[in-house]
Amino acid sequence: MIIFSVNNNEEVITFPIEPNDIPIEKQYAHTKFSTFQDGDLTLINKNSGLKVVTINSFFPEYPNKYSFQERNSLEPKEYIDFFNKWSEVPLRIYITDKFGKEKLNMPCVITSFTYSEDKAKDTIYNLSVQEFKFVGEL
């Protein structure tokens, strides 16, 4: 299950369709430099980079269109409006497995969101979010 929350659950949405694969990329901020005598070397940075989550799926044309979608789904426009409305503030993404076990609970910001309507009138989307670290966490 994929859930996004804003302002400590002031507004919450649950995605209607969970993709088969949700890659979580962990970026590292190692530094490569060249030396005169030893050639290229890598300096390992203790502070790792930020996680990136990319979700590719679809919003069904209307709630309960498919038997396999989450109950209480929204219209595609409501998901689109949610991400447009909150595109400039930190969100929280929760991802759980089918048994409810938490896989990810992370503050994030939207880095890209693209969508289009397919022939079945469903809205195909690609959403990418990046980990957001609050100042005290740095």
Protein backbone atom coordinates (compact mmCIF):
# COMPACT_ATOMS: atom_id res chain seq x y z
CA MET A 1 0.00 0.00 0.00
CA ILE A 2 1.26 3.48 -0.85
CA ILE A 3 0.10 6.41 1.27
CA PHE A 4 1.05 10.07 1.11
CA SER A 5 0.44 12.40 4.04
CA VAL A 6 0.77 16.16 4.44
CA ASN A 7 1.13 18.20 7.65
CA ASN A 8 0.91 15.30 10.11
CA ASN A 9 -2.05 13.65 8.37
CA GLU A 10 -3.94 16.89 7.67
CA GLU A 11 -4.51 15.44 4.22
CA VAL A 12 -3.91 11.79 3.33
CA ILE A 13 -4.31 9.81 0.11
CA THR A 14 -3.93 6.11 -0.60
CA PHE A 15 -2.95 5.03 -4.07
CA PRO A 16 -5.58 2.90 -5.80
CA ILE A 17 -3.18 0.58 -7.65
CA GLU A 18 0.13 -0.58 -6.28
CA PRO A 19 2.75 -1.32 -8.95
CA ASN A 20 4.57 -4.64 -8.91
CA ASP A 21 7.88 -2.91 -8.28
CA ILE A 22 8.68 0.26 -6.32
CA PRO A 23 12.39 0.93 -6.64
CA ILE A 24 14.01 2.80 -3.78
CA GLU A 25 17.31 4.25 -4.89
CA LYS A 26 19.90 5.17 -2.29
CA GLN A 27 22.32 7.75 -3.60
CA TYR A 28 25.84 8.13 -2.22
CA ALA A 29 27.86 11.30 -2.21
CA HIS A 30 31.36 9.89 -2.61
CA THR A 31 33.96 12.15 -4.14
CA LYS A 32 36.29 11.06 -6.90
CA PHE A 33 39.50 12.97 -7.43
CA SER A 34 42.72 12.52 -9.34
CA THR A 35 46.15 12.57 -7.82
CA PHE A 36 49.40 13.15 -9.63
CA GLN A 37 51.09 10.04 -8.27
CA ASP A 38 48.28 7.47 -7.63
CA GLY A 39 45.73 8.33 -10.32
CA ASP A 40 42.01 8.35 -9.49
CA LEU A 41 40.95 7.88 -5.88
CA THR A 42 37.55 7.86 -4.16
CA LEU A 43 36.89 9.65 -0.90
CA ILE A 44 34.03 8.03 0.98
CA ASN A 45 31.62 10.58 2.38
CA LYS A 46 30.12 9.53 5.73
CA ASN A 47 26.96 11.49 5.00
CA SER A 48 25.12 9.47 2.40
CA GLY A 49 22.98 11.00 -0.29
CA LEU A 50 19.22 11.07 -0.38
CA LYS A 51 16.81 8.23 -1.16
CA VAL A 52 14.74 8.49 -4.33
CA VAL A 53 11.48 6.61 -4.86
CA THR A 54 9.94 6.28 -8.31
CA ILE A 55 6.38 5.03 -8.75
CA ASN A 56 4.96 4.13 -12.16
CA SER A 57 1.34 3.00 -12.25
CA PHE A 58 -2.12 4.33 -13.09
CA PHE A 59 -5.16 5.95 -11.52
CA PRO A 60 -8.33 4.17 -12.70
CA GLU A 61 -10.88 6.25 -14.58
CA TYR A 62 -13.29 6.07 -11.63
CA PRO A 63 -13.38 4.56 -8.10
CA ASN A 64 -13.93 0.79 -7.94
CA LYS A 65 -13.45 0.32 -11.69
CA TYR A 66 -11.27 -2.72 -11.04
CA SER A 67 -11.71 -5.44 -8.42
CA PHE A 68 -8.00 -5.26 -7.52
CA GLN A 69 -7.83 -1.55 -6.69
CA GLU A 70 -7.89 -0.17 -3.15
CA ARG A 71 -11.27 0.62 -1.68
CA ASN A 72 -12.16 4.29 -1.26
CA SER A 73 -10.16 5.25 -4.35
CA LEU A 74 -10.45 8.76 -5.71
CA GLU A 75 -11.03 10.15 -9.18
CA PRO A 76 -7.74 10.66 -11.13
CA LYS A 77 -8.22 14.44 -10.97
CA GLU A 78 -8.16 14.32 -7.17
CA TYR A 79 -4.74 12.61 -7.16
CA ILE A 80 -3.41 15.07 -9.72
CA ASP A 81 -4.77 18.02 -7.72
CA PHE A 82 -3.20 16.62 -4.54
CA PHE A 83 0.28 16.46 -6.05
CA ASN A 84 -0.03 19.85 -7.74
CA LYS A 85 -1.30 21.43 -4.51
CA TRP A 86 1.48 20.01 -2.35
CA SER A 87 4.35 20.19 -4.86
CA GLU A 88 6.24 22.81 -2.86
CA VAL A 89 6.05 21.37 0.66
CA PRO A 90 7.46 18.27 2.33
CA LEU A 91 5.20 15.21 2.28
CA ARG A 92 5.51 11.85 3.97
CA ILE A 93 5.41 8.62 1.99
CA TYR A 94 4.43 5.36 3.68
CA ILE A 95 4.83 2.08 1.84
CA THR A 96 3.65 -1.16 3.41
CA ASP A 97 3.63 -4.72 2.14
CA LYS A 98 0.40 -6.69 1.63
CA PHE A 99 0.50 -7.74 5.30
CA GLY A 100 0.75 -4.15 6.56
CA LYS A 101 4.44 -4.36 7.46
CA GLU A 102 6.17 -1.01 6.95
CA LYS A 103 8.69 -0.96 4.11
CA LEU A 104 9.28 2.80 4.00
CA ASN A 105 8.29 5.81 6.10
CA MET A 106 10.08 8.87 4.78
CA PRO A 107 9.64 12.64 4.54
CA CYS A 108 10.00 13.63 0.90
CA VAL A 109 9.51 16.24 -1.78
CA ILE A 110 8.14 15.73 -5.27
CA THR A 111 10.86 15.94 -7.90
CA SER A 112 8.72 15.03 -10.92
CA PHE A 113 5.15 14.08 -11.72
CA THR A 114 3.94 13.30 -15.23
CA TYR A 115 0.61 11.85 -16.29
CA SER A 116 -1.51 11.16 -19.35
CA GLU A 117 -4.78 9.45 -20.18
CA ASP A 118 -4.66 6.09 -21.95
CA LYS A 119 -7.20 4.51 -24.32
CA ALA A 120 -9.10 2.93 -21.40
CA LYS A 121 -9.55 6.43 -19.89
CA ASP A 122 -7.24 5.55 -16.99
CA THR A 123 -4.51 8.02 -16.04
CA ILE A 124 -0.99 6.65 -16.39
CA TYR A 125 1.52 8.44 -14.15
CA ASN A 126 5.20 8.56 -13.21
CA LEU A 127 5.95 10.05 -9.81
CA SER A 128 9.40 10.60 -8.37
CA VAL A 129 10.02 11.78 -4.82
CA GLN A 130 13.28 12.49 -3.03
CA GLU A 131 14.02 12.15 0.66
CA PHE A 132 13.69 15.41 2.59
CA LYS A 133 15.91 15.93 5.61
CA PHE A 134 14.91 18.56 8.11
CA VAL A 135 17.66 20.93 9.26
CA GLY A 136 18.16 19.13 12.60
CA GLU A 137 18.74 15.80 10.76
CA LEU A 138 21.74 16.97 8.72
